[in-house]
Amino acid sequence: MAMDRETLETYLKDAFPEADITLTDLAGDNDHWQAEIVSPQFKGVPRVRQHQMVYAALKGKMGGELHALALKTRAPD
């Protein structure tokens, strides 16, 4: 089963409540997503760690319900 936009958005908003989150369904199959997340929580955090924070927010769903997730993360300007 794939992860729909609403479910993915819920996980991300729970973890990053102040973030500006843009989701793009790359293949039209609810299975290959791009998430652009602009969050104050990323300020001063290396990109690798930012991505680890996002994967942690998905509570183990990455690779299962969520097959592919392209990430763009940054702190607000």
PDB file of N, CA and C in Angstrom:
ATOM      1  N   MET A   1       0.836  -1.195   0.000  1.00  0.00           N
ATOM      2  CA  MET A   1       0.000   0.000   0.000  1.00  0.00           C
ATOM      3  C   MET A   1       0.876   1.253   0.000  1.00  0.00           C
ATOM      4  N   ALA A   2       0.517   2.209  -0.794  1.00  0.00           N
ATOM      5  CA  ALA A   2       1.275   3.453  -0.893  1.00  0.00           C
ATOM      6  C   ALA A   2       0.826   4.442   0.185  1.00  0.00           C
ATOM      7  N   MET A   3       1.614   5.468   0.393  1.00  0.00           N
ATOM      8  CA  MET A   3       1.278   6.509   1.364  1.00  0.00           C
ATOM      9  C   MET A   3       0.704   7.708   0.620  1.00  0.00           C
ATOM     10  N   ASP A   4      -0.522   8.073   0.940  1.00  0.00           N
ATOM     11  CA  ASP A   4      -1.140   9.206   0.258  1.00  0.00           C
ATOM     12  C   ASP A   4      -0.623  10.532   0.807  1.00  0.00           C
ATOM     13  N   ARG A   5      -0.920  11.580   0.075  1.00  0.00           N
ATOM     14  CA  ARG A   5      -0.454  12.926   0.418  1.00  0.00           C
ATOM     15  C   ARG A   5      -0.872  13.324   1.839  1.00  0.00           C
ATOM     16  N   GLU A   6      -2.105  13.053   2.191  1.00  0.00           N
ATOM     17  CA  GLU A   6      -2.624  13.472   3.501  1.00  0.00           C
ATOM     18  C   GLU A   6      -1.855  12.806   4.641  1.00  0.00           C
ATOM     19  N   THR A   7      -1.573  11.512   4.496  1.00  0.00           N
ATOM     20  CA  THR A   7      -0.837  10.780   5.529  1.00  0.00           C
ATOM     21  C   THR A   7       0.584  11.309   5.655  1.00  0.00           C
ATOM     22  N   LEU A   8       1.255  11.468   4.522  1.00  0.00           N
ATOM     23  CA  LEU A   8       2.623  11.978   4.522  1.00  0.00           C
ATOM     24  C   LEU A   8       2.670  13.370   5.137  1.00  0.00           C
ATOM     25  N   GLU A   9       1.729  14.221   4.742  1.00  0.00           N
ATOM     26  CA  GLU A   9       1.679  15.583   5.259  1.00  0.00           C
ATOM     27  C   GLU A   9       1.451  15.589   6.770  1.00  0.00           C
ATOM     28  N   THR A  10       0.611  14.682   7.254  1.00  0.00           N
ATOM     29  CA  THR A  10       0.340  14.596   8.694  1.00  0.00           C
ATOM     30  C   THR A  10       1.611  14.260   9.472  1.00  0.00           C
ATOM     31  N   TYR A  11       2.354  13.263   9.009  1.00  0.00           N
ATOM     32  CA  TYR A  11       3.617  12.913   9.673  1.00  0.00           C
ATOM     33  C   TYR A  11       4.554  14.108   9.720  1.00  0.00           C
ATOM     34  N   LEU A  12       4.688  14.790   8.596  1.00  0.00           N
ATOM     35  CA  LEU A  12       5.639  15.900   8.515  1.00  0.00           C
ATOM     36  C   LEU A  12       5.184  17.088   9.356  1.00  0.00           C
ATOM     37  N   LYS A  13       3.893  17.411   9.332  1.00  0.00           N
ATOM     38  CA  LYS A  13       3.393  18.552  10.117  1.00  0.00           C
ATOM     39  C   LYS A  13       3.458  18.279  11.615  1.00  0.00           C
ATOM     40  N   ASP A  14       3.283  17.022  12.006  1.00  0.00           N
ATOM     41  CA  ASP A  14       3.413  16.664  13.421  1.00  0.00           C
ATOM     42  C   ASP A  14       4.841  16.913  13.901  1.00  0.00           C
ATOM     43  N   ALA A  15       5.803  16.562  13.063  1.00  0.00           N
ATOM     44  CA  ALA A  15       7.213  16.688  13.448  1.00  0.00           C
ATOM     45  C   ALA A  15       7.739  18.110  13.278  1.00  0.00           C
ATOM     46  N   PHE A  16       7.198  18.817  12.278  1.00  0.00           N
ATOM     47  CA  PHE A  16       7.684  20.161  11.948  1.00  0.00           C
ATOM     48  C   PHE A  16       6.492  21.119  11.862  1.00  0.00           C
ATOM     49  N   PRO A  17       5.871  21.423  13.017  1.00  0.00           N
ATOM     50  CA  PRO A  17       4.618  22.205  13.005  1.00  0.00           C
ATOM     51  C   PRO A  17       4.751  23.611  12.422  1.00  0.00           C
ATOM     52  N   GLU A  18       5.941  24.203  12.506  1.00  0.00           N
ATOM     53  CA  GLU A  18       6.116  25.575  12.010  1.00  0.00           C
ATOM     54  C   GLU A  18       6.655  25.608  10.581  1.00  0.00           C
ATOM     55  N   ALA A  19       6.791  24.428   9.974  1.00  0.00           N
ATOM     56  CA  ALA A  19       7.431  24.344   8.655  1.00  0.00           C
ATOM     57  C   ALA A  19       6.485  24.721   7.528  1.00  0.00           C
ATOM     58  N   ASP A  20       7.103  25.187   6.449  1.00  0.00           N
ATOM     59  CA  ASP A  20       6.419  25.366   5.173  1.00  0.00           C
ATOM     60  C   ASP A  20       6.746  24.102   4.372  1.00  0.00           C
ATOM     61  N   ILE A  21       5.725  23.284   4.094  1.00  0.00           N
ATOM     62  CA  ILE A  21       5.932  21.979   3.467  1.00  0.00           C
ATOM     63  C   ILE A  21       5.245  21.940   2.102  1.00  0.00           C
ATOM     64  N   THR A  22       6.019  21.577   1.080  1.00  0.00           N
ATOM     65  CA  THR A  22       5.475  21.421  -0.271  1.00  0.00           C
ATOM     66  C   THR A  22       5.717  19.984  -0.712  1.00  0.00           C
ATOM     67  N   LEU A  23       4.641  19.263  -1.018  1.00  0.00           N
ATOM     68  CA  LEU A  23       4.756  17.877  -1.470  1.00  0.00           C
ATOM     69  C   LEU A  23       4.437  17.784  -2.955  1.00  0.00           C
ATOM     70  N   THR A  24       5.258  17.031  -3.680  1.00  0.00           N
ATOM     71  CA  THR A  24       5.047  16.801  -5.098  1.00  0.00           C
ATOM     72  C   THR A  24       5.039  15.295  -5.350  1.00  0.00           C
ATOM     73  N   ASP A  25       3.967  14.791  -5.961  1.00  0.00           N
ATOM     74  CA  ASP A  25       3.868  13.382  -6.326  1.00  0.00           C
ATOM     75  C   ASP A  25       4.598  13.230  -7.664  1.00  0.00           C
ATOM     76  N   LEU A  26       5.810  12.711  -7.626  1.00  0.00           N
ATOM     77  CA  LEU A  26       6.685  12.698  -8.795  1.00  0.00           C
ATOM     78  C   LEU A  26       6.214  11.758  -9.903  1.00  0.00           C
ATOM     79  N   ALA A  27       5.536  10.671  -9.542  1.00  0.00           N
ATOM     80  CA  ALA A  27       5.150   9.678 -10.544  1.00  0.00           C
ATOM     81  C   ALA A  27       3.633   9.520 -10.667  1.00  0.00           C
ATOM     82  N   GLY A  28       2.871  10.257  -9.856  1.00  0.00           N
ATOM     83  CA  GLY A  28       1.417  10.144  -9.907  1.00  0.00           C
ATOM     84  C   GLY A  28       0.900   8.852  -9.303  1.00  0.00           C
ATOM     85  N   ASP A  29       1.711   8.215  -8.448  1.00  0.00           N
ATOM     86  CA  ASP A  29       1.326   6.902  -7.906  1.00  0.00           C
ATOM     87  C   ASP A  29       1.275   6.853  -6.373  1.00  0.00           C
ATOM     88  N   ASN A  30       1.343   8.016  -5.718  1.00  0.00           N
ATOM     89  CA  ASN A  30       1.380   8.074  -4.242  1.00  0.00           C
ATOM     90  C   ASN A  30       2.525   7.249  -3.672  1.00  0.00           C
ATOM     91  N   ASP A  31       3.575   7.067  -4.419  1.00  0.00           N
ATOM     92  CA  ASP A  31       4.659   6.197  -3.979  1.00  0.00           C
ATOM     93  C   ASP A  31       6.034   6.837  -4.144  1.00  0.00           C
ATOM     94  N   HIS A  32       6.122   7.879  -4.961  1.00  0.00           N
ATOM     95  CA  HIS A  32       7.392   8.563  -5.215  1.00  0.00           C
ATOM     96  C   HIS A  32       7.157  10.055  -4.987  1.00  0.00           C
ATOM     97  N   TRP A  33       7.589  10.533  -3.839  1.00  0.00           N
ATOM     98  CA  TRP A  33       7.301  11.908  -3.426  1.00  0.00           C
ATOM     99  C   TRP A  33       8.559  12.753  -3.381  1.00  0.00           C
ATOM    100  N   GLN A  34       8.364  14.024  -3.576  1.00  0.00           N
ATOM    101  CA  GLN A  34       9.381  15.016  -3.245  1.00  0.00           C
ATOM    102  C   GLN A  34       8.785  15.888  -2.155  1.00  0.00           C
ATOM    103  N   ALA A  35       9.542  16.100  -1.100  1.00  0.00           N
ATOM    104  CA  ALA A  35       9.104  16.980  -0.018  1.00  0.00           C
ATOM    105  C   ALA A  35      10.103  18.116   0.118  1.00  0.00           C
ATOM    106  N   GLU A  36       9.595  19.320   0.020  1.00  0.00           N
ATOM    107  CA  GLU A  36      10.408  20.508   0.278  1.00  0.00           C
ATOM    108  C   GLU A  36       9.945  21.049   1.618  1.00  0.00           C
ATOM    109  N   ILE A  37      10.861  21.077   2.588  1.00  0.00           N
ATOM    110  CA  ILE A  37      10.519  21.454   3.955  1.00  0.00           C
ATOM    111  C   ILE A  37      11.410  22.604   4.394  1.00  0.00           C
ATOM    112  N   VAL A  38      10.787  23.722   4.712  1.00  0.00           N
ATOM    113  CA  VAL A  38      11.505  24.892   5.213  1.00  0.00           C
ATOM    114  C   VAL A  38      11.080  25.049   6.672  1.00  0.00           C
ATOM    115  N   SER A  39      11.996  24.755   7.577  1.00  0.00           N
ATOM    116  CA  SER A  39      11.653  24.724   8.993  1.00  0.00           C
ATOM    117  C   SER A  39      12.701  25.428   9.847  1.00  0.00           C
ATOM    118  N   PRO A  40      12.244  26.210  10.830  1.00  0.00           N
ATOM    119  CA  PRO A  40      13.185  26.821  11.778  1.00  0.00           C
ATOM    120  C   PRO A  40      13.985  25.754  12.542  1.00  0.00           C
ATOM    121  N   GLN A  41      13.454  24.546  12.658  1.00  0.00           N
ATOM    122  CA  GLN A  41      14.158  23.471  13.362  1.00  0.00           C
ATOM    123  C   GLN A  41      15.456  23.080  12.657  1.00  0.00           C
ATOM    124  N   PHE A  42      15.594  23.440  11.386  1.00  0.00           N
ATOM    125  CA  PHE A  42      16.790  23.082  10.622  1.00  0.00           C
ATOM    126  C   PHE A  42      17.911  24.112  10.745  1.00  0.00           C
ATOM    127  N   LYS A  43      17.655  25.216  11.431  1.00  0.00           N
ATOM    128  CA  LYS A  43      18.657  26.287  11.537  1.00  0.00           C
ATOM    129  C   LYS A  43      19.923  25.755  12.220  1.00  0.00           C
ATOM    130  N   GLY A  44      21.035  25.882  11.509  1.00  0.00           N
ATOM    131  CA  GLY A  44      22.321  25.454  12.061  1.00  0.00           C
ATOM    132  C   GLY A  44      22.543  23.952  12.050  1.00  0.00           C
ATOM    133  N   VAL A  45      21.617  23.201  11.450  1.00  0.00           N
ATOM    134  CA  VAL A  45      21.716  21.740  11.410  1.00  0.00           C
ATOM    135  C   VAL A  45      22.227  21.307  10.038  1.00  0.00           C
ATOM    136  N   PRO A  46      23.254  20.457   9.994  1.00  0.00           N
ATOM    137  CA  PRO A  46      23.759  19.994   8.691  1.00  0.00           C
ATOM    138  C   PRO A  46      22.666  19.267   7.896  1.00  0.00           C
ATOM    139  N   ARG A  47      22.751  19.342   6.581  1.00  0.00           N
ATOM    140  CA  ARG A  47      21.709  18.767   5.717  1.00  0.00           C
ATOM    141  C   ARG A  47      21.486  17.279   5.982  1.00  0.00           C
ATOM    142  N   VAL A  48      22.563  16.524   6.184  1.00  0.00           N
ATOM    143  CA  VAL A  48      22.406  15.083   6.449  1.00  0.00           C
ATOM    144  C   VAL A  48      21.552  14.874   7.691  1.00  0.00           C
ATOM    145  N   ARG A  49      21.808  15.653   8.725  1.00  0.00           N
ATOM    146  CA  ARG A  49      21.031  15.539   9.969  1.00  0.00           C
ATOM    147  C   ARG A  49      19.583  15.992   9.730  1.00  0.00           C
ATOM    148  N   GLN A  50      19.370  17.016   8.908  1.00  0.00           N
ATOM    149  CA  GLN A  50      18.005  17.453   8.577  1.00  0.00           C
ATOM    150  C   GLN A  50      17.230  16.293   7.961  1.00  0.00           C
ATOM    151  N   HIS A  51      17.857  15.594   7.041  1.00  0.00           N
ATOM    152  CA  HIS A  51      17.198  14.475   6.376  1.00  0.00           C
ATOM    153  C   HIS A  51      16.925  13.345   7.367  1.00  0.00           C
ATOM    154  N   GLN A  52      17.861  13.107   8.288  1.00  0.00           N
ATOM    155  CA  GLN A  52      17.642  12.092   9.324  1.00  0.00           C
ATOM    156  C   GLN A  52      16.432  12.468  10.185  1.00  0.00           C
ATOM    157  N   MET A  53      16.274  13.751  10.467  1.00  0.00           N
ATOM    158  CA  MET A  53      15.126  14.220  11.251  1.00  0.00           C
ATOM    159  C   MET A  53      13.816  13.927  10.518  1.00  0.00           C
ATOM    160  N   VAL A  54      13.826  14.128   9.201  1.00  0.00           N
ATOM    161  CA  VAL A  54      12.626  13.857   8.397  1.00  0.00           C
ATOM    162  C   VAL A  54      12.324  12.362   8.393  1.00  0.00           C
ATOM    163  N   TYR A  55      13.337  11.529   8.169  1.00  0.00           N
ATOM    164  CA  TYR A  55      13.116  10.079   8.163  1.00  0.00           C
ATOM    165  C   TYR A  55      12.597   9.611   9.520  1.00  0.00           C
ATOM    166  N   ALA A  56      13.122  10.180  10.607  1.00  0.00           N
ATOM    167  CA  ALA A  56      12.640   9.818  11.947  1.00  0.00           C
ATOM    168  C   ALA A  56      11.166  10.182  12.106  1.00  0.00           C
ATOM    169  N   ALA A  57      10.762  11.305  11.519  1.00  0.00           N
ATOM    170  CA  ALA A  57       9.369  11.749  11.605  1.00  0.00           C
ATOM    171  C   ALA A  57       8.424  10.779  10.895  1.00  0.00           C
ATOM    172  N   LEU A  58       8.947  10.016   9.944  1.00  0.00           N
ATOM    173  CA  LEU A  58       8.111   9.084   9.189  1.00  0.00           C
ATOM    174  C   LEU A  58       7.926   7.755   9.904  1.00  0.00           C
ATOM    175  N   LYS A  59       8.509   7.626  11.086  1.00  0.00           N
ATOM    176  CA  LYS A  59       8.259   6.498  11.979  1.00  0.00           C
ATOM    177  C   LYS A  59       8.382   5.131  11.301  1.00  0.00           C
ATOM    178  N   GLY A  60       9.463   4.953  10.550  1.00  0.00           N
ATOM    179  CA  GLY A  60       9.738   3.647   9.967  1.00  0.00           C
ATOM    180  C   GLY A  60       8.957   3.315   8.701  1.00  0.00           C
ATOM    181  N   LYS A  61       8.194   4.261   8.172  1.00  0.00           N
ATOM    182  CA  LYS A  61       7.391   3.998   6.974  1.00  0.00           C
ATOM    183  C   LYS A  61       8.224   4.063   5.689  1.00  0.00           C
ATOM    184  N   MET A  62       9.402   4.698   5.765  1.00  0.00           N
ATOM    185  CA  MET A  62      10.255   4.845   4.589  1.00  0.00           C
ATOM    186  C   MET A  62      10.698   3.462   4.115  1.00  0.00           C
ATOM    187  N   GLY A  63      10.538   3.193   2.824  1.00  0.00           N
ATOM    188  CA  GLY A  63      10.923   1.896   2.275  1.00  0.00           C
ATOM    189  C   GLY A  63       9.792   0.887   2.319  1.00  0.00           C
ATOM    190  N   GLY A  64       8.771   1.162   3.122  1.00  0.00           N
ATOM    191  CA  GLY A  64       7.598   0.285   3.178  1.00  0.00           C
ATOM    192  C   GLY A  64       6.454   0.940   2.431  1.00  0.00           C
ATOM    193  N   GLU A  65       5.567   1.604   3.201  1.00  0.00           N
ATOM    194  CA  GLU A  65       4.446   2.321   2.582  1.00  0.00           C
ATOM    195  C   GLU A  65       4.939   3.453   1.690  1.00  0.00           C
ATOM    196  N   LEU A  66       6.070   4.020   2.068  1.00  0.00           N
ATOM    197  CA  LEU A  66       6.637   5.136   1.310  1.00  0.00           C
ATOM    198  C   LEU A  66       7.886   4.622   0.605  1.00  0.00           C
ATOM    199  N   HIS A  67       7.785   4.465  -0.701  1.00  0.00           N
ATOM    200  CA  HIS A  67       8.859   3.830  -1.461  1.00  0.00           C
ATOM    201  C   HIS A  67      10.034   4.780  -1.696  1.00  0.00           C
ATOM    202  N   ALA A  68       9.730   5.997  -2.121  1.00  0.00           N
ATOM    203  CA  ALA A  68      10.799   6.932  -2.460  1.00  0.00           C
ATOM    204  C   ALA A  68      10.418   8.339  -2.041  1.00  0.00           C
ATOM    205  N   LEU A  69      11.359   9.017  -1.424  1.00  0.00           N
ATOM    206  CA  LEU A  69      11.130  10.392  -0.991  1.00  0.00           C
ATOM    207  C   LEU A  69      12.368  11.219  -1.301  1.00  0.00           C
ATOM    208  N   ALA A  70      12.213  12.173  -2.212  1.00  0.00           N
ATOM    209  CA  ALA A  70      13.290  13.116  -2.520  1.00  0.00           C
ATOM    210  C   ALA A  70      13.112  14.297  -1.569  1.00  0.00           C
ATOM    211  N   LEU A  71      14.182  14.666  -0.886  1.00  0.00           N
ATOM    212  CA  LEU A  71      14.086  15.723   0.108  1.00  0.00           C
ATOM    213  C   LEU A  71      14.830  16.979  -0.292  1.00  0.00           C
ATOM    214  N   LYS A  72      14.190  18.109  -0.031  1.00  0.00           N
ATOM    215  CA  LYS A  72      14.848  19.412  -0.077  1.00  0.00           C
ATOM    216  C   LYS A  72      14.520  20.048   1.267  1.00  0.00           C
ATOM    217  N   THR A  73      15.531  20.242   2.077  1.00  0.00           N
ATOM    218  CA  THR A  73      15.306  20.798   3.419  1.00  0.00           C
ATOM    219  C   THR A  73      16.198  22.003   3.627  1.00  0.00           C
ATOM    220  N   ARG A  74      15.684  22.987   4.360  1.00  0.00           N
ATOM    221  CA  ARG A  74      16.488  24.157   4.724  1.00  0.00           C
ATOM    222  C   ARG A  74      15.765  24.937   5.807  1.00  0.00           C
ATOM    223  N   ALA A  75      16.532  25.793   6.454  1.00  0.00           N
ATOM    224  CA  ALA A  75      15.941  26.735   7.410  1.00  0.00           C
ATOM    225  C   ALA A  75      15.440  27.957   6.630  1.00  0.00           C
ATOM    226  N   PRO A  76      14.481  28.680   7.199  1.00  0.00           N
ATOM    227  CA  PRO A  76      14.011  29.891   6.526  1.00  0.00           C
ATOM    228  C   PRO A  76      15.149  30.897   6.339  1.00  0.00           C
ATOM    229  N   ASP A  77      15.055  31.709   5.305  1.00  0.00           N
ATOM    230  CA  ASP A  77      16.077  32.729   5.047  1.00  0.00           C
ATOM    231  C   ASP A  77      16.047  33.804   6.123  1.00  0.00           C
TER     232      ASP A  77
END
